[in-house]
Amino acid sequence: MHHPLLQYLDEVANQGSIRKAAKILNISSSAVNRQILKLEIEFGTKIFNRTPHGVELTEAGRLLVEHCRNTIYDYKHVRAAIDDIRNLRSGHIVISTLDSLTFDFLPRVLGQFAKEYPSISYTVKIVSLEEAMEEVATGEADIGIGFSRNPHPDVRIIAEKPSPFGVIVPTNHPLASRPYIRLLDCKAFPLVRTMDARGHTSIIDLELSTNISAISTIFYTNSLLMAKRAIDEGLGIGLYTKIGFMKDVREKKLVFVPLADSELKNYKIGAFISAQKHPDTPTKLFANLIERSFRDVDFT
């Protein structure tokens, strides 16, 4: 891929002799010398000083050979990385994520990745946002996907996408035709809400504990699937991002109406890896796919 001259210069500098370098490179001394003379004419300065015992680098030559060696090193590194990808036969990726991302987005990404790398296996753990970041930070998970507010100091966000909260309602609901909705507009309708399976409060509680005190809740669950069914059956409305309901919204089974007056409209979904360790090849490839997928998807 690179011009042979890089190797010529490197080897001549190593050997201190055009003749010795040519022997190692299996090429004639005159051919190597011609290339060096050509380069010296091009730069307008000497690269090597000829001595009775061989050649010595000039100051200009030192700069040039350093560049050659860096280029050769980088090329070898890239070749090794490409070989890793080409020869990828096994590996395991642990993903910690929110429940909502397992309904549509993550299965599609996993399906796409599996077509290219069928021998990679996966563990997908449904956790809270805090746990997703903590597990990536401690090395229990390779990749985390969740809301990117207040990131853990030991994780690095590799991709972000706006994912505002809104109201999820059936298509025949009075709020379904609204272009947006204020939080106080929800007072007339009971909520369907999800609580973390380990008893933690929801994001709605954390962000809006004072603002939603006047809104009654008719249905609590630790299952987003159950919450979805409850909304579909008309038990109440949901305050969620669109992520867990994308298929239902596409198929016009449910409607997502954005919030207009709440901090919840400013949320983003992020994908993150450890900031303390270099990801292995399967993790790096999967993280790259997540990043590309974030560019193509609309969570708003």
Protein backbone atom coordinates (compact mmCIF):
# COMPACT_ATOMS: atom_id res chain seq x y z
CA MET A 1 0.00 0.00 0.00
CA HIS A 2 2.85 2.40 0.85
CA HIS A 3 5.69 3.31 -1.51
CA PRO A 4 8.70 0.97 -1.11
CA LEU A 5 10.85 4.06 -0.57
CA LEU A 6 9.63 4.18 3.06
CA GLN A 7 11.17 0.78 3.67
CA TYR A 8 14.31 1.70 1.74
CA LEU A 9 14.96 4.75 3.90
CA ASP A 10 14.16 2.91 7.13
CA GLU A 11 16.47 0.00 6.32
CA VAL A 12 19.35 2.16 5.07
CA ALA A 13 19.12 4.21 8.28
CA ASN A 14 19.07 1.00 10.36
CA GLN A 15 22.06 -0.53 8.58
CA GLY A 16 24.09 2.63 8.00
CA SER A 17 24.82 1.20 4.56
CA ILE A 18 23.04 1.21 1.22
CA ARG A 19 24.70 -2.06 0.24
CA LYS A 20 23.67 -3.90 3.44
CA ALA A 21 20.14 -2.52 3.27
CA ALA A 22 19.80 -3.57 -0.38
CA LYS A 23 20.88 -7.10 0.50
CA ILE A 24 18.21 -7.36 3.23
CA LEU A 25 15.58 -5.84 0.93
CA ASN A 26 16.60 -8.20 -1.87
CA ILE A 27 17.07 -5.37 -4.35
CA SER A 28 20.11 -3.92 -6.10
CA SER A 29 22.18 -1.25 -4.34
CA SER A 30 21.93 1.01 -7.40
CA ALA A 31 18.11 0.90 -7.29
CA VAL A 32 18.07 1.95 -3.64
CA ASN A 33 20.66 4.65 -4.26
CA ARG A 34 18.71 6.02 -7.24
CA GLN A 35 15.57 6.40 -5.14
CA ILE A 36 17.47 8.24 -2.40
CA LEU A 37 19.16 10.58 -4.89
CA LYS A 38 15.77 11.30 -6.47
CA LEU A 39 14.33 12.19 -3.09
CA GLU A 40 17.30 14.43 -2.24
CA ILE A 41 16.75 16.33 -5.49
CA GLU A 42 13.05 16.66 -4.67
CA PHE A 43 13.75 18.04 -1.17
CA GLY A 44 16.75 20.07 -2.28
CA THR A 45 18.90 18.78 0.58
CA LYS A 46 20.93 15.76 1.59
CA ILE A 47 19.19 12.93 3.45
CA PHE A 48 22.33 10.88 3.98
CA ASN A 49 25.96 11.92 4.22
CA ARG A 50 28.16 9.40 2.37
CA THR A 51 31.22 8.27 4.36
CA PRO A 52 33.98 5.75 3.63
CA HIS A 53 32.22 3.34 5.97
CA GLY A 54 28.64 3.81 4.74
CA VAL A 55 26.02 6.52 5.22
CA GLU A 56 24.84 8.72 8.10
CA LEU A 57 21.55 10.57 8.42
CA THR A 58 21.57 14.34 8.14
CA GLU A 59 19.22 16.39 10.35
CA ALA A 60 16.74 16.52 7.46
CA GLY A 61 17.19 12.78 7.04
CA ARG A 62 16.38 12.18 10.71
CA LEU A 63 13.06 14.02 10.32
CA LEU A 64 12.22 12.11 7.17
CA VAL A 65 13.10 8.68 8.58
CA GLU A 66 11.09 9.40 11.73
CA HIS A 67 8.09 10.14 9.50
CA CYS A 68 8.71 6.92 7.54
CA ARG A 69 8.88 4.85 10.72
CA ASN A 70 5.71 6.40 12.16
CA THR A 71 3.90 5.73 8.87
CA ILE A 72 5.11 2.12 8.75
CA TYR A 73 4.14 1.59 12.40
CA ASP A 74 0.66 3.07 11.88
CA TYR A 75 0.19 0.93 8.79
CA LYS A 76 1.16 -2.24 10.66
CA HIS A 77 -1.23 -1.30 13.46
CA VAL A 78 -4.08 -0.80 10.97
CA ARG A 79 -3.24 -4.09 9.27
CA ALA A 80 -3.37 -5.89 12.62
CA ALA A 81 -6.74 -4.30 13.43
CA ILE A 82 -8.11 -5.30 10.02
CA ASP A 83 -6.81 -8.83 10.53
CA ASP A 84 -8.62 -8.92 13.89
CA ILE A 85 -11.87 -7.96 12.18
CA ARG A 86 -11.39 -10.37 9.28
CA ASN A 87 -10.48 -13.25 11.58
CA LEU A 88 -13.14 -12.53 14.19
CA ARG A 89 -14.42 -15.99 15.07
CA SER A 90 -15.62 -15.60 18.64
CA GLY A 91 -16.28 -13.05 21.33
CA HIS A 92 -18.92 -12.01 23.84
CA ILE A 93 -20.50 -8.60 24.39
CA VAL A 94 -22.32 -7.66 27.60
CA ILE A 95 -24.84 -4.86 27.13
CA SER A 96 -26.59 -3.07 30.00
CA THR A 97 -29.59 -1.10 28.83
CA LEU A 98 -33.01 0.27 29.63
CA ASP A 99 -36.12 -1.84 29.12
CA SER A 100 -37.47 0.47 26.41
CA LEU A 101 -34.47 -0.06 24.13
CA THR A 102 -35.06 -3.83 24.00
CA PHE A 103 -38.41 -3.50 22.21
CA ASP A 104 -37.31 -2.21 18.83
CA PHE A 105 -33.97 -0.43 18.56
CA LEU A 106 -31.56 -2.89 20.16
CA PRO A 107 -32.96 -6.07 18.53
CA ARG A 108 -32.59 -4.46 15.10
CA VAL A 109 -29.00 -3.44 15.82
CA LEU A 110 -28.17 -6.91 17.16
CA GLY A 111 -29.73 -8.52 14.10
CA GLN A 112 -27.65 -6.37 11.77
CA PHE A 113 -24.45 -7.08 13.71
CA ALA A 114 -25.13 -10.84 13.80
CA LYS A 115 -25.31 -10.97 10.00
CA GLU A 116 -21.73 -9.70 9.79
CA TYR A 117 -20.34 -11.51 12.84
CA PRO A 118 -22.46 -14.62 13.44
CA SER A 119 -20.06 -16.16 15.97
CA ILE A 120 -20.33 -13.33 18.52
CA SER A 121 -22.56 -14.04 21.53
CA TYR A 122 -24.34 -11.51 23.75
CA THR A 123 -25.73 -10.89 27.21
CA VAL A 124 -28.38 -8.15 27.38
CA LYS A 125 -29.18 -6.95 30.90
CA ILE A 126 -32.18 -4.73 31.62
CA VAL A 127 -31.15 -2.31 34.36
CA SER A 128 -31.79 1.20 35.64
CA LEU A 129 -29.86 4.13 34.21
CA GLU A 130 -27.59 4.34 37.26
CA GLU A 131 -26.84 0.62 37.08
CA ALA A 132 -26.07 0.76 33.36
CA MET A 133 -23.40 3.39 33.90
CA GLU A 134 -22.06 1.71 37.03
CA GLU A 135 -21.75 -1.66 35.31
CA VAL A 136 -19.86 -0.16 32.38
CA ALA A 137 -17.63 1.81 34.75
CA THR A 138 -16.78 -1.31 36.80
CA GLY A 139 -16.33 -3.57 33.78
CA GLU A 140 -19.42 -5.73 34.42
CA ALA A 141 -20.76 -4.57 31.04
CA ASP A 142 -18.96 -3.68 27.82
CA ILE A 143 -21.53 -1.22 26.51
CA GLY A 144 -24.34 0.70 28.16
CA ILE A 145 -27.28 2.41 26.48
CA GLY A 146 -29.50 4.77 28.43
CA PHE A 147 -30.18 8.39 29.25
CA SER A 148 -26.97 10.38 29.13
CA ARG A 149 -27.72 13.01 31.77
CA ASN A 150 -25.21 13.15 34.63
CA PRO A 151 -22.73 10.67 33.15
CA HIS A 152 -20.51 8.59 35.41
CA PRO A 153 -16.92 9.95 35.48
CA ASP A 154 -15.54 6.56 34.42
CA VAL A 155 -17.65 6.17 31.28
CA ARG A 156 -17.24 7.76 27.87
CA ILE A 157 -20.31 8.66 25.82
CA ILE A 158 -19.73 7.56 22.22
CA ALA A 159 -23.07 8.65 20.73
CA GLU A 160 -26.12 10.66 21.75
CA LYS A 161 -29.57 11.20 20.29
CA PRO A 162 -32.38 13.50 21.47
CA SER A 163 -35.12 11.43 23.08
CA PRO A 164 -37.68 13.74 24.70
CA PHE A 165 -40.47 12.48 26.89
CA GLY A 166 -44.04 12.86 25.74
CA VAL A 167 -47.50 11.44 26.24
CA ILE A 168 -48.35 7.97 24.88
CA VAL A 169 -52.07 7.54 24.17
CA PRO A 170 -54.34 5.36 22.00
CA THR A 171 -55.20 6.75 18.57
CA ASN A 172 -58.77 7.61 19.61
CA HIS A 173 -57.74 9.47 22.78
CA PRO A 174 -58.71 13.18 23.14
CA LEU A 175 -54.99 14.14 23.35
CA ALA A 176 -53.96 12.16 20.27
CA SER A 177 -54.55 15.00 17.80
CA ARG A 178 -52.50 17.57 19.74
CA PRO A 179 -49.19 18.74 18.15
CA TYR A 180 -47.74 18.99 21.68
CA ILE A 181 -48.97 18.86 25.24
CA ARG A 182 -48.27 20.62 28.52
CA LEU A 183 -47.88 18.63 31.68
CA LEU A 184 -50.90 20.25 33.28
CA ASP A 185 -53.04 19.04 30.34
CA CYS A 186 -52.55 15.55 31.74
CA LYS A 187 -54.44 16.33 34.98
CA ALA A 188 -57.72 15.15 33.49
CA PHE A 189 -56.33 11.70 32.70
CA PRO A 190 -54.88 9.08 35.06
CA LEU A 191 -51.34 7.88 34.44
CA VAL A 192 -49.90 4.48 33.67
CA ARG A 193 -46.42 4.42 35.17
CA THR A 194 -43.47 2.08 35.40
CA MET A 195 -41.33 1.69 38.48
CA ASP A 196 -37.91 0.13 38.52
CA ALA A 197 -38.07 -3.59 39.29
CA ARG A 198 -35.76 -3.12 42.27
CA GLY A 199 -38.05 -0.58 43.87
CA HIS A 200 -36.32 2.60 42.69
CA THR A 201 -38.40 5.56 41.67
CA SER A 202 -38.96 6.33 38.00
CA ILE A 203 -37.43 9.22 36.05
CA ILE A 204 -40.84 10.89 36.20
CA ASP A 205 -40.62 10.88 40.00
CA LEU A 206 -37.07 12.14 40.02
CA GLU A 207 -37.67 15.00 37.60
CA LEU A 208 -41.22 16.06 38.33
CA SER A 209 -42.16 14.96 41.84
CA THR A 210 -43.73 18.33 42.65
CA ASN A 211 -45.31 18.97 39.26
CA ILE A 212 -47.23 15.74 38.93
CA SER A 213 -48.65 15.57 42.45
CA ALA A 214 -52.03 16.66 41.08
CA ILE A 215 -52.04 13.91 38.45
CA SER A 216 -53.46 10.62 39.66
CA THR A 217 -51.85 7.29 38.80
CA ILE A 218 -54.16 4.38 38.10
CA PHE A 219 -51.65 1.71 37.15
CA TYR A 220 -48.12 0.92 38.36
CA THR A 221 -45.93 -1.80 36.90
CA ASN A 222 -42.27 -2.76 36.61
CA SER A 223 -42.87 -4.02 33.05
CA LEU A 224 -42.94 -1.67 30.07
CA LEU A 225 -44.77 -4.35 28.09
CA MET A 226 -47.53 -4.38 30.71
CA ALA A 227 -47.65 -0.58 30.72
CA LYS A 228 -48.00 -0.61 26.94
CA ARG A 229 -50.94 -3.01 27.14
CA ALA A 230 -52.59 -0.91 29.84
CA ILE A 231 -52.33 2.24 27.69
CA ASP A 232 -53.61 0.35 24.65
CA GLU A 233 -56.62 -0.86 26.66
CA GLY A 234 -57.44 2.71 27.73
CA LEU A 235 -56.60 2.38 31.43
CA GLY A 236 -54.59 5.59 31.36
CA ILE A 237 -51.99 7.64 29.51
CA GLY A 238 -48.23 7.20 29.71
CA LEU A 239 -45.37 9.66 30.16
CA TYR A 240 -42.52 8.05 28.24
CA THR A 241 -40.04 8.57 25.46
CA LYS A 242 -41.02 7.18 22.08
CA ILE A 243 -38.25 4.55 22.19
CA GLY A 244 -40.22 1.68 23.71
CA PHE A 245 -43.26 2.43 21.54
CA MET A 246 -41.68 3.02 18.12
CA LYS A 247 -43.26 0.00 16.43
CA ASP A 248 -46.70 0.84 17.88
CA VAL A 249 -46.39 4.47 16.74
CA ARG A 250 -45.23 3.41 13.25
CA GLU A 251 -48.18 1.04 12.96
CA LYS A 252 -50.55 3.75 14.30
CA LYS A 253 -51.63 1.65 17.26
CA LEU A 254 -50.51 4.34 19.70
CA VAL A 255 -49.69 8.05 19.39
CA PHE A 256 -46.71 9.95 20.82
CA VAL A 257 -47.41 13.62 21.66
CA PRO A 258 -44.31 15.64 22.68
CA LEU A 259 -44.21 17.61 25.93
CA ALA A 260 -43.79 21.36 25.53
CA ASP A 261 -43.07 22.68 29.01
CA SER A 262 -40.96 20.21 30.94
CA GLU A 263 -37.33 19.36 31.56
CA LEU A 264 -38.30 15.91 30.28
CA LYS A 265 -38.32 17.26 26.74
CA ASN A 266 -34.53 17.76 26.92
CA TYR A 267 -33.53 14.17 27.55
CA LYS A 268 -31.07 12.33 25.31
CA ILE A 269 -30.28 8.66 24.87
CA GLY A 270 -26.59 7.86 24.96
CA ALA A 271 -24.37 4.87 24.28
CA PHE A 272 -21.32 4.62 26.52
CA ILE A 273 -18.23 2.51 27.12
CA SER A 274 -15.55 2.50 29.79
CA ALA A 275 -13.31 5.54 29.87
CA GLN A 276 -10.63 3.53 31.66
CA LYS A 277 -9.96 0.61 29.35
CA HIS A 278 -9.59 0.05 25.63
CA PRO A 279 -12.54 -1.93 24.19
CA ASP A 280 -11.82 -5.30 22.62
CA THR A 281 -12.49 -5.79 18.90
CA PRO A 282 -16.11 -7.11 19.17
CA THR A 283 -17.06 -4.28 21.54
CA LYS A 284 -15.42 -1.66 19.32
CA LEU A 285 -17.22 -2.96 16.21
CA PHE A 286 -20.57 -3.08 18.01
CA ALA A 287 -20.04 0.43 19.42
CA ASN A 288 -19.36 1.70 15.89
CA LEU A 289 -22.62 0.15 14.70
CA ILE A 290 -24.54 1.72 17.59
CA GLU A 291 -23.07 5.10 16.66
CA ARG A 292 -24.13 4.70 13.01
CA SER A 293 -27.58 3.47 14.04
CA PHE A 294 -28.09 6.51 16.25
CA ARG A 295 -27.54 8.73 13.21
CA ASP A 296 -30.27 6.92 11.28
CA VAL A 297 -32.96 6.64 13.96
CA ASP A 298 -35.47 9.28 15.14
CA PHE A 299 -36.53 9.07 18.80
CA THR A 300 -38.45 12.37 18.78
